[in-house]
Amino acid sequence: MQHSTHHASAATIEEGKATRSSRRAFMKTLLAGSSLLVARGAAAASPSFQLNYVLASCMYGELPLASILPEARKIGSEVIDLWPRKHGNQREQIDEIGHDAFREMLVQAGLRLGIITRYDLGPYKLQEEMAVVQRLGGDMIVTGSGNVQGDSLKARVAAFIEALKPHIAAAEEHGVTIAIENHGNQLIESLDSLRYFAEMAPSDRLGIALAPYHLPQDPEVLAGLIRDLGPKLVHFYAWEHGMGCTDLLPKAQEMQQLPGYGQLDFCPIVGALRDIGYSGGTSIFMHPVPRGIPILPTAPEVSAAVNRSREYLESCLSS
């Protein structure tokens, strides 16, 4: 697996040692006896914004929840997103083991359910699942948008939101947010459709789960979109297109969907999330080929790959 181009080479690091050593000595002399300045510098360097990581169960294929839940803390997450087949089967697993047993597993692991992803149900068949999410302590369902007829894109988005109104009312009753992902070949796919949707969405319980994979791979365009979406952005997939996820590729090429593995510069994107005060979840994400397998053979290997991406995203926060 190739190292990301975003990281400095070992040679460059070695060449800079002497310079950094001299700089440290200079700064130590300059700041000697100035505890107030040091304290102010420490406070300024302490960032108030952070990414809230969510473990997407499908990254681990159909591995059992007993193997997946212990990985969450390892990737900096306290929140789980359950996926059903064909991407995973953890949603089916909780029906098999019982919802009370699953709740106990979450307690034992010090985790909570955040999201259940249900593309299979579509946007108009979510009401029963809202009750499940609520009972399990979650607060979000992610799904797609399907397609709606209309004379223009804006009219179609308006018609879609109108059709969602009974479901929005149910989401408000259950304390659950419906998050629509900009999925390929659906109504909410393009930059314009996302902006129309954010403009028209009538409730705080309706928002956008943003997947950069399906959009132009231009960091400034993506950053501008994030600023336009503002509070309507309720979930973020740290997921780039790389070499795609539809054809069987060598694993190193497939992994280029992950931040820090591919070519997309996430630093302007993370900067835009910070600018809008984004407080939703962030899933480090990719799809394997075929669907339903872990992105790497074992749970620890999956977590290690996610952590490599997380380190890169955190470096963007500190830059």
C-alpha atoms as a PDB file:
ATOM      1  CA  MET A   1       0.000   0.000   0.000  1.00  0.00           C
ATOM      2  CA  GLN A   2       1.493   3.307  -1.052  1.00  0.00           C
ATOM      3  CA  HIS A   3       1.950   6.141   1.404  1.00  0.00           C
ATOM      4  CA  SER A   4      -0.223   9.245   0.915  1.00  0.00           C
ATOM      5  CA  THR A   5       1.231  12.139  -0.989  1.00  0.00           C
ATOM      6  CA  HIS A   6      -0.030  14.391   1.798  1.00  0.00           C
ATOM      7  CA  HIS A   7       2.694  13.258   4.182  1.00  0.00           C
ATOM      8  CA  ALA A   8       6.291  14.440   4.214  1.00  0.00           C
ATOM      9  CA  SER A   9       8.953  11.967   3.110  1.00  0.00           C
ATOM     10  CA  ALA A  10      11.389  10.496   5.610  1.00  0.00           C
ATOM     11  CA  ALA A  11      14.253  12.241   3.811  1.00  0.00           C
ATOM     12  CA  THR A  12      12.596  15.625   4.194  1.00  0.00           C
ATOM     13  CA  ILE A  13      12.044  14.969   7.902  1.00  0.00           C
ATOM     14  CA  GLU A  14      15.701  14.091   8.427  1.00  0.00           C
ATOM     15  CA  GLU A  15      16.877  17.157   6.507  1.00  0.00           C
ATOM     16  CA  GLY A  16      14.783  19.424   8.730  1.00  0.00           C
ATOM     17  CA  LYS A  17      16.048  18.123  12.085  1.00  0.00           C
ATOM     18  CA  ALA A  18      18.937  20.548  12.431  1.00  0.00           C
ATOM     19  CA  THR A  19      16.800  23.527  11.449  1.00  0.00           C
ATOM     20  CA  ARG A  20      14.065  22.589  13.907  1.00  0.00           C
ATOM     21  CA  SER A  21      16.614  22.037  16.660  1.00  0.00           C
ATOM     22  CA  SER A  22      18.016  25.529  16.141  1.00  0.00           C
ATOM     23  CA  ARG A  23      14.534  27.004  16.047  1.00  0.00           C
ATOM     24  CA  ARG A  24      13.584  25.290  19.312  1.00  0.00           C
ATOM     25  CA  ALA A  25      16.688  26.644  21.013  1.00  0.00           C
ATOM     26  CA  PHE A  26      15.914  30.145  19.774  1.00  0.00           C
ATOM     27  CA  MET A  27      12.312  29.993  20.947  1.00  0.00           C
ATOM     28  CA  LYS A  28      13.311  28.641  24.343  1.00  0.00           C
ATOM     29  CA  THR A  29      15.579  31.657  24.855  1.00  0.00           C
ATOM     30  CA  LEU A  30      12.988  34.094  23.525  1.00  0.00           C
ATOM     31  CA  LEU A  31      10.208  32.848  25.803  1.00  0.00           C
ATOM     32  CA  ALA A  32      12.299  32.323  28.937  1.00  0.00           C
ATOM     33  CA  GLY A  33      10.661  34.051  31.887  1.00  0.00           C
ATOM     34  CA  SER A  34       7.514  34.862  29.938  1.00  0.00           C
ATOM     35  CA  SER A  35       4.986  32.425  31.418  1.00  0.00           C
ATOM     36  CA  LEU A  36       2.037  34.622  30.426  1.00  0.00           C
ATOM     37  CA  LEU A  37       3.006  34.497  26.762  1.00  0.00           C
ATOM     38  CA  VAL A  38       3.452  30.739  26.929  1.00  0.00           C
ATOM     39  CA  ALA A  39       0.031  30.317  28.546  1.00  0.00           C
ATOM     40  CA  ARG A  40      -1.629  32.463  25.901  1.00  0.00           C
ATOM     41  CA  GLY A  41       0.105  30.506  23.147  1.00  0.00           C
ATOM     42  CA  ALA A  42      -1.071  27.217  24.617  1.00  0.00           C
ATOM     43  CA  ALA A  43      -4.649  28.460  24.803  1.00  0.00           C
ATOM     44  CA  ALA A  44      -4.549  29.693  21.225  1.00  0.00           C
ATOM     45  CA  ALA A  45      -3.163  26.379  20.001  1.00  0.00           C
ATOM     46  CA  SER A  46      -5.987  24.438  21.670  1.00  0.00           C
ATOM     47  CA  PRO A  47      -8.678  24.011  19.006  1.00  0.00           C
ATOM     48  CA  SER A  48     -12.349  24.248  19.987  1.00  0.00           C
ATOM     49  CA  PHE A  49     -13.552  22.495  16.822  1.00  0.00           C
ATOM     50  CA  GLN A  50     -13.320  18.747  16.439  1.00  0.00           C
ATOM     51  CA  LEU A  51     -14.676  16.026  14.191  1.00  0.00           C
ATOM     52  CA  ASN A  52     -17.111  13.631  15.849  1.00  0.00           C
ATOM     53  CA  TYR A  53     -16.263  10.244  14.369  1.00  0.00           C
ATOM     54  CA  VAL A  54     -18.914   7.608  13.695  1.00  0.00           C
ATOM     55  CA  LEU A  55     -18.184   3.926  13.065  1.00  0.00           C
ATOM     56  CA  ALA A  56     -20.046   2.770   9.941  1.00  0.00           C
ATOM     57  CA  SER A  57     -20.639  -0.937  10.491  1.00  0.00           C
ATOM     58  CA  CYS A  58     -20.480  -1.745   6.773  1.00  0.00           C
ATOM     59  CA  MET A  59     -16.758  -0.959   6.761  1.00  0.00           C
ATOM     60  CA  TYR A  60     -16.433  -4.266   8.608  1.00  0.00           C
ATOM     61  CA  GLY A  61     -18.579  -6.170   6.125  1.00  0.00           C
ATOM     62  CA  GLU A  62     -20.710  -8.824   7.813  1.00  0.00           C
ATOM     63  CA  LEU A  63     -18.432  -9.360  10.800  1.00  0.00           C
ATOM     64  CA  PRO A  64     -20.392  -9.901  14.012  1.00  0.00           C
ATOM     65  CA  LEU A  65     -21.232  -6.958  16.240  1.00  0.00           C
ATOM     66  CA  ALA A  66     -19.259  -8.610  19.032  1.00  0.00           C
ATOM     67  CA  SER A  67     -16.136  -8.133  16.870  1.00  0.00           C
ATOM     68  CA  ILE A  68     -17.028  -4.642  15.618  1.00  0.00           C
ATOM     69  CA  LEU A  69     -18.116  -2.795  18.762  1.00  0.00           C
ATOM     70  CA  PRO A  70     -14.719  -3.066  20.502  1.00  0.00           C
ATOM     71  CA  GLU A  71     -13.158  -1.326  17.479  1.00  0.00           C
ATOM     72  CA  ALA A  72     -15.165   1.883  17.895  1.00  0.00           C
ATOM     73  CA  ARG A  73     -13.053   3.403  20.648  1.00  0.00           C
ATOM     74  CA  LYS A  74      -9.927   2.442  18.743  1.00  0.00           C
ATOM     75  CA  ILE A  75     -10.984   4.729  15.879  1.00  0.00           C
ATOM     76  CA  GLY A  76     -11.962   7.600  18.157  1.00  0.00           C
ATOM     77  CA  SER A  77     -15.693   6.903  18.008  1.00  0.00           C
ATOM     78  CA  GLU A  78     -18.408   6.523  20.616  1.00  0.00           C
ATOM     79  CA  VAL A  79     -21.211   6.298  18.043  1.00  0.00           C
ATOM     80  CA  ILE A  80     -22.331   3.447  15.776  1.00  0.00           C
ATOM     81  CA  ASP A  81     -24.088   3.569  12.395  1.00  0.00           C
ATOM     82  CA  LEU A  82     -25.805   0.228  11.646  1.00  0.00           C
ATOM     83  CA  TRP A  83     -26.060  -0.932   8.033  1.00  0.00           C
ATOM     84  CA  PRO A  84     -28.214  -3.712   6.561  1.00  0.00           C
ATOM     85  CA  ARG A  85     -27.492  -6.015   3.656  1.00  0.00           C
ATOM     86  CA  LYS A  86     -26.154  -5.678   0.996  1.00  0.00           C
ATOM     87  CA  HIS A  87     -23.435  -3.488   2.491  1.00  0.00           C
ATOM     88  CA  GLY A  88     -23.324  -5.181   5.887  1.00  0.00           C
ATOM     89  CA  ASN A  89     -25.752  -7.137   8.023  1.00  0.00           C
ATOM     90  CA  GLN A  90     -25.531  -5.554  11.463  1.00  0.00           C
ATOM     91  CA  ARG A  91     -29.106  -4.236  11.231  1.00  0.00           C
ATOM     92  CA  GLU A  92     -30.256  -7.811  10.707  1.00  0.00           C
ATOM     93  CA  GLN A  93     -27.968  -8.975  13.518  1.00  0.00           C
ATOM     94  CA  ILE A  94     -29.746  -6.835  16.121  1.00  0.00           C
ATOM     95  CA  ASP A  95     -33.069  -8.422  15.177  1.00  0.00           C
ATOM     96  CA  GLU A  96     -31.512 -11.851  15.631  1.00  0.00           C
ATOM     97  CA  ILE A  97     -29.915 -11.182  19.016  1.00  0.00           C
ATOM     98  CA  GLY A  98     -32.741  -8.945  20.252  1.00  0.00           C
ATOM     99  CA  HIS A  99     -32.800  -5.187  20.665  1.00  0.00           C
ATOM    100  CA  ASP A 100     -32.473  -5.366  24.447  1.00  0.00           C
ATOM    101  CA  ALA A 101     -29.378  -7.540  24.095  1.00  0.00           C
ATOM    102  CA  PHE A 102     -27.936  -5.069  21.597  1.00  0.00           C
ATOM    103  CA  ARG A 103     -28.580  -2.181  23.975  1.00  0.00           C
ATOM    104  CA  GLU A 104     -26.687  -4.064  26.654  1.00  0.00           C
ATOM    105  CA  MET A 105     -23.788  -4.638  24.240  1.00  0.00           C
ATOM    106  CA  LEU A 106     -23.642  -0.899  23.625  1.00  0.00           C
ATOM    107  CA  VAL A 107     -23.594  -0.186  27.365  1.00  0.00           C
ATOM    108  CA  GLN A 108     -20.827  -2.741  27.927  1.00  0.00           C
ATOM    109  CA  ALA A 109     -18.747  -1.136  25.160  1.00  0.00           C
ATOM    110  CA  GLY A 110     -19.434   2.425  26.342  1.00  0.00           C
ATOM    111  CA  LEU A 111     -21.075   3.295  23.028  1.00  0.00           C
ATOM    112  CA  ARG A 112     -24.368   4.573  21.715  1.00  0.00           C
ATOM    113  CA  LEU A 113     -26.358   4.049  18.561  1.00  0.00           C
ATOM    114  CA  GLY A 114     -26.399   7.184  16.460  1.00  0.00           C
ATOM    115  CA  ILE A 115     -27.649   6.164  13.014  1.00  0.00           C
ATOM    116  CA  ILE A 116     -29.399   3.377  11.195  1.00  0.00           C
ATOM    117  CA  THR A 117     -28.784   3.559   7.441  1.00  0.00           C
ATOM    118  CA  ARG A 118     -31.696   2.307   5.331  1.00  0.00           C
ATOM    119  CA  TYR A 119     -31.222   2.929   1.605  1.00  0.00           C
ATOM    120  CA  ASP A 120     -33.175  -0.276   1.098  1.00  0.00           C
ATOM    121  CA  LEU A 121     -36.352   1.290   2.509  1.00  0.00           C
ATOM    122  CA  GLY A 122     -36.133   4.543   0.580  1.00  0.00           C
ATOM    123  CA  PRO A 123     -37.445   7.852   1.918  1.00  0.00           C
ATOM    124  CA  TYR A 124     -41.132   6.918   2.184  1.00  0.00           C
ATOM    125  CA  LYS A 125     -40.999   3.718   4.275  1.00  0.00           C
ATOM    126  CA  LEU A 126     -39.028   4.860   7.283  1.00  0.00           C
ATOM    127  CA  GLN A 127     -41.679   5.379   9.943  1.00  0.00           C
ATOM    128  CA  GLU A 128     -41.459   1.951  11.568  1.00  0.00           C
ATOM    129  CA  GLU A 129     -37.683   2.224  11.545  1.00  0.00           C
ATOM    130  CA  MET A 130     -37.905   5.617  13.261  1.00  0.00           C
ATOM    131  CA  ALA A 131     -39.486   3.873  16.227  1.00  0.00           C
ATOM    132  CA  VAL A 132     -36.612   1.356  16.301  1.00  0.00           C
ATOM    133  CA  VAL A 133     -34.020   4.141  16.194  1.00  0.00           C
ATOM    134  CA  GLN A 134     -35.804   5.960  19.007  1.00  0.00           C
ATOM    135  CA  ARG A 135     -36.063   2.848  21.215  1.00  0.00           C
ATOM    136  CA  LEU A 136     -32.360   2.134  20.748  1.00  0.00           C
ATOM    137  CA  GLY A 137     -31.367   5.700  21.649  1.00  0.00           C
ATOM    138  CA  GLY A 138     -30.422   6.818  18.125  1.00  0.00           C
ATOM    139  CA  ASP A 139     -31.350  10.066  16.460  1.00  0.00           C
ATOM    140  CA  MET A 140     -30.848   9.677  12.695  1.00  0.00           C
ATOM    141  CA  ILE A 141     -31.815   7.603   9.670  1.00  0.00           C
ATOM    142  CA  VAL A 142     -29.828   7.972   6.440  1.00  0.00           C
ATOM    143  CA  THR A 143     -31.456   7.140   3.128  1.00  0.00           C
ATOM    144  CA  GLY A 144     -31.566   8.178  -0.522  1.00  0.00           C
ATOM    145  CA  SER A 145     -33.964  10.408  -2.417  1.00  0.00           C
ATOM    146  CA  GLY A 146     -35.304   8.317  -5.269  1.00  0.00           C
ATOM    147  CA  ASN A 147     -36.673  10.299  -8.198  1.00  0.00           C
ATOM    148  CA  VAL A 148     -39.618  12.698  -8.536  1.00  0.00           C
ATOM    149  CA  GLN A 149     -41.234  14.138 -11.646  1.00  0.00           C
ATOM    150  CA  GLY A 150     -41.217  17.881 -12.384  1.00  0.00           C
ATOM    151  CA  ASP A 151     -40.589  20.525 -15.029  1.00  0.00           C
ATOM    152  CA  SER A 152     -37.240  21.604 -13.575  1.00  0.00           C
ATOM    153  CA  LEU A 153     -34.723  20.401 -11.020  1.00  0.00           C
ATOM    154  CA  LYS A 154     -35.942  22.988  -8.511  1.00  0.00           C
ATOM    155  CA  ALA A 155     -39.559  21.908  -9.025  1.00  0.00           C
ATOM    156  CA  ARG A 156     -38.613  18.261  -8.568  1.00  0.00           C
ATOM    157  CA  VAL A 157     -36.803  19.016  -5.308  1.00  0.00           C
ATOM    158  CA  ALA A 158     -39.838  20.975  -4.101  1.00  0.00           C
ATOM    159  CA  ALA A 159     -42.121  18.052  -5.005  1.00  0.00           C
ATOM    160  CA  PHE A 160     -39.858  15.636  -3.145  1.00  0.00           C
ATOM    161  CA  ILE A 161     -39.925  17.740   0.006  1.00  0.00           C
ATOM    162  CA  GLU A 162     -43.712  18.047  -0.254  1.00  0.00           C
ATOM    163  CA  ALA A 163     -44.008  14.246  -0.486  1.00  0.00           C
ATOM    164  CA  LEU A 164     -41.789  13.922   2.596  1.00  0.00           C
ATOM    165  CA  LYS A 165     -43.981  16.081   4.848  1.00  0.00           C
ATOM    166  CA  PRO A 166     -45.851  13.211   6.574  1.00  0.00           C
ATOM    167  CA  HIS A 167     -42.527  11.492   7.185  1.00  0.00           C
ATOM    168  CA  ILE A 168     -40.963  14.698   8.508  1.00  0.00           C
ATOM    169  CA  ALA A 169     -43.871  14.953  10.963  1.00  0.00           C
ATOM    170  CA  ALA A 170     -43.202  11.389  12.113  1.00  0.00           C
ATOM    171  CA  ALA A 171     -39.483  12.156  12.466  1.00  0.00           C
ATOM    172  CA  GLU A 172     -40.302  15.167  14.632  1.00  0.00           C
ATOM    173  CA  GLU A 173     -42.539  12.989  16.806  1.00  0.00           C
ATOM    174  CA  HIS A 174     -39.808  10.381  17.274  1.00  0.00           C
ATOM    175  CA  GLY A 175     -36.935  12.831  17.711  1.00  0.00           C
ATOM    176  CA  VAL A 176     -35.195  11.380  14.656  1.00  0.00           C
ATOM    177  CA  THR A 177     -33.544  13.259  11.780  1.00  0.00           C
ATOM    178  CA  ILE A 178     -34.017  12.058   8.197  1.00  0.00           C
ATOM    179  CA  ALA A 179     -30.684  12.555   6.432  1.00  0.00           C
ATOM    180  CA  ILE A 180     -30.772  12.378   2.635  1.00  0.00           C
ATOM    181  CA  GLU A 181     -27.500  11.357   0.986  1.00  0.00           C
ATOM    182  CA  ASN A 182     -26.502  12.806  -2.392  1.00  0.00           C
ATOM    183  CA  HIS A 183     -26.397   9.383  -4.004  1.00  0.00           C
ATOM    184  CA  GLY A 184     -25.587   8.825  -7.693  1.00  0.00           C
ATOM    185  CA  ASN A 185     -28.478   8.515 -10.155  1.00  0.00           C
ATOM    186  CA  GLN A 186     -30.991   9.977  -7.718  1.00  0.00           C
ATOM    187  CA  LEU A 187     -32.753  13.313  -7.430  1.00  0.00           C
ATOM    188  CA  ILE A 188     -30.492  14.726  -4.723  1.00  0.00           C
ATOM    189  CA  GLU A 189     -27.196  14.148  -6.494  1.00  0.00           C
ATOM    190  CA  SER A 190     -25.813  17.374  -7.961  1.00  0.00           C
ATOM    191  CA  LEU A 191     -24.492  20.549  -6.364  1.00  0.00           C
ATOM    192  CA  ASP A 192     -27.622  22.471  -7.405  1.00  0.00           C
ATOM    193  CA  SER A 193     -29.995  19.816  -6.086  1.00  0.00           C
ATOM    194  CA  LEU A 194     -28.228  19.892  -2.718  1.00  0.00           C
ATOM    195  CA  ARG A 195     -28.464  23.657  -2.513  1.00  0.00           C
ATOM    196  CA  TYR A 196     -32.161  23.628  -3.456  1.00  0.00           C
ATOM    197  CA  PHE A 197     -32.826  20.940  -0.882  1.00  0.00           C
ATOM    198  CA  ALA A 198     -31.039  22.866   1.889  1.00  0.00           C
ATOM    199  CA  GLU A 199     -32.940  26.022   0.948  1.00  0.00           C
ATOM    200  CA  MET A 200     -36.361  24.333   0.988  1.00  0.00           C
ATOM    201  CA  ALA A 201     -36.070  21.786   3.811  1.00  0.00           C
ATOM    202  CA  PRO A 202     -38.757  22.959   6.261  1.00  0.00           C
ATOM    203  CA  SER A 203     -37.650  21.224   9.472  1.00  0.00           C
ATOM    204  CA  ASP A 204     -34.582  20.685  11.613  1.00  0.00           C
ATOM    205  CA  ARG A 205     -35.481  16.996  11.351  1.00  0.00           C
ATOM    206  CA  LEU A 206     -34.635  16.931   7.638  1.00  0.00           C
ATOM    207  CA  GLY A 207     -31.061  17.365   6.494  1.00  0.00           C
ATOM    208  CA  ILE A 208     -28.232  16.250   4.229  1.00  0.00           C
ATOM    209  CA  ALA A 209     -25.723  13.431   4.605  1.00  0.00           C
ATOM    210  CA  LEU A 210     -22.953  14.703   2.348  1.00  0.00           C
ATOM    211  CA  ALA A 211     -20.879  12.236   0.325  1.00  0.00           C
ATOM    212  CA  PRO A 212     -18.049  13.953  -1.590  1.00  0.00           C
ATOM    213  CA  TYR A 213     -17.535  10.707  -3.545  1.00  0.00           C
ATOM    214  CA  HIS A 214     -20.532  11.555  -5.755  1.00  0.00           C
ATOM    215  CA  LEU A 215     -19.507  15.181  -6.410  1.00  0.00           C
ATOM    216  CA  PRO A 216     -16.762  17.034  -8.330  1.00  0.00           C
ATOM    217  CA  GLN A 217     -13.418  16.174  -6.773  1.00  0.00           C
ATOM    218  CA  ASP A 218     -12.454  19.804  -6.288  1.00  0.00           C
ATOM    219  CA  PRO A 219     -11.722  20.734  -2.660  1.00  0.00           C
ATOM    220  CA  GLU A 220     -12.680  24.383  -3.099  1.00  0.00           C
ATOM    221  CA  VAL A 221     -15.988  23.475  -4.759  1.00  0.00           C
ATOM    222  CA  LEU A 222     -16.749  21.031  -1.955  1.00  0.00           C
ATOM    223  CA  ALA A 223     -15.762  23.568   0.699  1.00  0.00           C
ATOM    224  CA  GLY A 224     -18.036  26.172  -0.895  1.00  0.00           C
ATOM    225  CA  LEU A 225     -20.916  23.709  -0.932  1.00  0.00           C
ATOM    226  CA  ILE A 226     -20.436  22.939   2.760  1.00  0.00           C
ATOM    227  CA  ARG A 227     -20.601  26.644   3.586  1.00  0.00           C
ATOM    228  CA  ASP A 228     -23.782  26.965   1.526  1.00  0.00           C
ATOM    229  CA  LEU A 229     -25.422  23.986   3.239  1.00  0.00           C
ATOM    230  CA  GLY A 230     -24.641  25.293   6.713  1.00  0.00           C
ATOM    231  CA  PRO A 231     -26.923  23.816   9.389  1.00  0.00           C
ATOM    232  CA  LYS A 232     -28.677  21.549   6.892  1.00  0.00           C
ATOM    233  CA  LEU A 233     -25.516  19.413   6.802  1.00  0.00           C
ATOM    234  CA  VAL A 234     -26.223  16.765   9.443  1.00  0.00           C
ATOM    235  CA  HIS A 235     -23.776  13.992   8.524  1.00  0.00           C
ATOM    236  CA  PHE A 236     -20.490  13.964   6.611  1.00  0.00           C
ATOM    237  CA  TYR A 237     -18.795  11.069   4.834  1.00  0.00           C
ATOM    238  CA  ALA A 238     -15.021  11.524   4.666  1.00  0.00           C
ATOM    239  CA  TRP A 239     -15.022   9.692   1.348  1.00  0.00           C
ATOM    240  CA  GLU A 240     -13.428  10.593  -1.958  1.00  0.00           C
ATOM    241  CA  HIS A 241     -13.939   9.083  -5.382  1.00  0.00           C
ATOM    242  CA  GLY A 242     -10.406   7.812  -5.861  1.00  0.00           C
ATOM    243  CA  MET A 243     -10.575   5.147  -8.546  1.00  0.00           C
ATOM    244  CA  GLY A 244     -14.207   4.327  -7.841  1.00  0.00           C
ATOM    245  CA  CYS A 245     -16.082   1.550  -6.085  1.00  0.00           C
ATOM    246  CA  THR A 246     -17.921  -0.259  -8.869  1.00  0.00           C
ATOM    247  CA  ASP A 247     -15.176  -2.312 -10.517  1.00  0.00           C
ATOM    248  CA  LEU A 248     -12.909  -4.877  -8.897  1.00  0.00           C
ATOM    249  CA  LEU A 249      -9.515  -3.192  -8.435  1.00  0.00           C
ATOM    250  CA  PRO A 250      -6.238  -4.073  -6.746  1.00  0.00           C
ATOM    251  CA  LYS A 251      -6.765  -3.345  -3.046  1.00  0.00           C
ATOM    252  CA  ALA A 252      -4.292  -0.449  -2.970  1.00  0.00           C
ATOM    253  CA  GLN A 253      -6.288   1.292  -5.716  1.00  0.00           C
ATOM    254  CA  GLU A 254      -9.644   0.553  -4.105  1.00  0.00           C
ATOM    255  CA  MET A 255      -8.412   2.082  -0.840  1.00  0.00           C
ATOM    256  CA  GLN A 256      -7.880   5.427  -2.564  1.00  0.00           C
ATOM    257  CA  GLN A 257     -11.470   6.232  -1.618  1.00  0.00           C
ATOM    258  CA  LEU A 258     -10.217   6.882   1.919  1.00  0.00           C
ATOM    259  CA  PRO A 259      -8.912  10.330   2.936  1.00  0.00           C
ATOM    260  CA  GLY A 260      -5.132  10.448   2.873  1.00  0.00           C
ATOM    261  CA  TYR A 261      -4.928   7.467   0.528  1.00  0.00           C
ATOM    262  CA  GLY A 262      -6.176   9.222  -2.594  1.00  0.00           C
ATOM    263  CA  GLN A 263      -5.503  12.587  -4.204  1.00  0.00           C
ATOM    264  CA  LEU A 264      -8.305  14.777  -2.798  1.00  0.00           C
ATOM    265  CA  ASP A 265      -7.072  17.498  -0.442  1.00  0.00           C
ATOM    266  CA  PHE A 266      -9.437  17.385   2.538  1.00  0.00           C
ATOM    267  CA  CYS A 267      -7.892  20.369   4.322  1.00  0.00           C
ATOM    268  CA  PRO A 268     -10.124  23.016   2.655  1.00  0.00           C
ATOM    269  CA  ILE A 269     -13.097  20.715   3.255  1.00  0.00           C
ATOM    270  CA  VAL A 270     -12.302  20.305   6.947  1.00  0.00           C
ATOM    271  CA  GLY A 271     -11.732  24.067   7.093  1.00  0.00           C
ATOM    272  CA  ALA A 272     -15.237  24.659   5.754  1.00  0.00           C
ATOM    273  CA  LEU A 273     -16.695  22.282   8.350  1.00  0.00           C
ATOM    274  CA  ARG A 274     -14.927  24.322  11.005  1.00  0.00           C
ATOM    275  CA  ASP A 275     -16.200  27.580   9.474  1.00  0.00           C
ATOM    276  CA  ILE A 276     -19.851  26.514   9.771  1.00  0.00           C
ATOM    277  CA  GLY A 277     -19.363  25.120  13.271  1.00  0.00           C
ATOM    278  CA  TYR A 278     -20.318  21.651  12.082  1.00  0.00           C
ATOM    279  CA  SER A 279     -21.303  19.460  15.039  1.00  0.00           C
ATOM    280  CA  GLY A 280     -22.683  16.378  13.265  1.00  0.00           C
ATOM    281  CA  GLY A 281     -21.007  13.042  12.776  1.00  0.00           C
ATOM    282  CA  THR A 282     -18.154  12.181  10.419  1.00  0.00           C
ATOM    283  CA  SER A 283     -17.824   8.685   8.958  1.00  0.00           C
ATOM    284  CA  ILE A 284     -14.470   7.746   7.446  1.00  0.00           C
ATOM    285  CA  PHE A 285     -15.850   5.759   4.571  1.00  0.00           C
ATOM    286  CA  MET A 286     -15.436   3.705   1.420  1.00  0.00           C
ATOM    287  CA  HIS A 287     -17.171   0.858  -0.397  1.00  0.00           C
ATOM    288  CA  PRO A 288     -15.401  -2.427  -1.159  1.00  0.00           C
ATOM    289  CA  VAL A 289     -16.017  -4.626  -4.194  1.00  0.00           C
ATOM    290  CA  PRO A 290     -17.994  -6.805  -3.829  1.00  0.00           C
ATOM    291  CA  ARG A 291     -20.325  -5.194  -1.305  1.00  0.00           C
ATOM    292  CA  GLY A 292     -20.751  -6.923   2.030  1.00  0.00           C
ATOM    293  CA  ILE A 293     -17.101  -7.810   2.658  1.00  0.00           C
ATOM    294  CA  PRO A 294     -14.856  -5.912   5.101  1.00  0.00           C
ATOM    295  CA  ILE A 295     -12.637  -3.319   3.443  1.00  0.00           C
ATOM    296  CA  LEU A 296      -9.712  -5.412   4.773  1.00  0.00           C
ATOM    297  CA  PRO A 297      -9.800  -9.009   6.013  1.00  0.00           C
ATOM    298  CA  THR A 298      -9.889  -8.467   9.797  1.00  0.00           C
ATOM    299  CA  ALA A 299     -11.481  -5.929  12.144  1.00  0.00           C
ATOM    300  CA  PRO A 300      -8.107  -4.674  13.470  1.00  0.00           C
ATOM    301  CA  GLU A 301      -6.876  -4.134   9.891  1.00  0.00           C
ATOM    302  CA  VAL A 302     -10.012  -2.136   9.062  1.00  0.00           C
ATOM    303  CA  SER A 303      -9.539   0.013  12.152  1.00  0.00           C
ATOM    304  CA  ALA A 304      -5.875   0.616  11.341  1.00  0.00           C
ATOM    305  CA  ALA A 305      -6.825   1.857   7.869  1.00  0.00           C
ATOM    306  CA  VAL A 306      -9.521   4.134   9.313  1.00  0.00           C
ATOM    307  CA  ASN A 307      -7.010   5.492  11.817  1.00  0.00           C
ATOM    308  CA  ARG A 308      -4.556   6.330   9.056  1.00  0.00           C
ATOM    309  CA  SER A 309      -7.291   8.443   7.464  1.00  0.00           C
ATOM    310  CA  ARG A 310      -8.212   9.924  10.832  1.00  0.00           C
ATOM    311  CA  GLU A 311      -4.612  11.012  11.432  1.00  0.00           C
ATOM    312  CA  TYR A 312      -4.654  12.765   8.078  1.00  0.00           C
ATOM    313  CA  LEU A 313      -7.945  14.550   8.819  1.00  0.00           C
ATOM    314  CA  GLU A 314      -6.620  15.606  12.219  1.00  0.00           C
ATOM    315  CA  SER A 315      -3.515  17.003  10.514  1.00  0.00           C
ATOM    316  CA  CYS A 316      -5.859  19.158   8.429  1.00  0.00           C
ATOM    317  CA  LEU A 317      -7.447  20.465  11.617  1.00  0.00           C
ATOM    318  CA  SER A 318      -4.074  21.518  12.973  1.00  0.00           C
ATOM    319  CA  SER A 319      -2.828  23.111   9.750  1.00  0.00           C
END
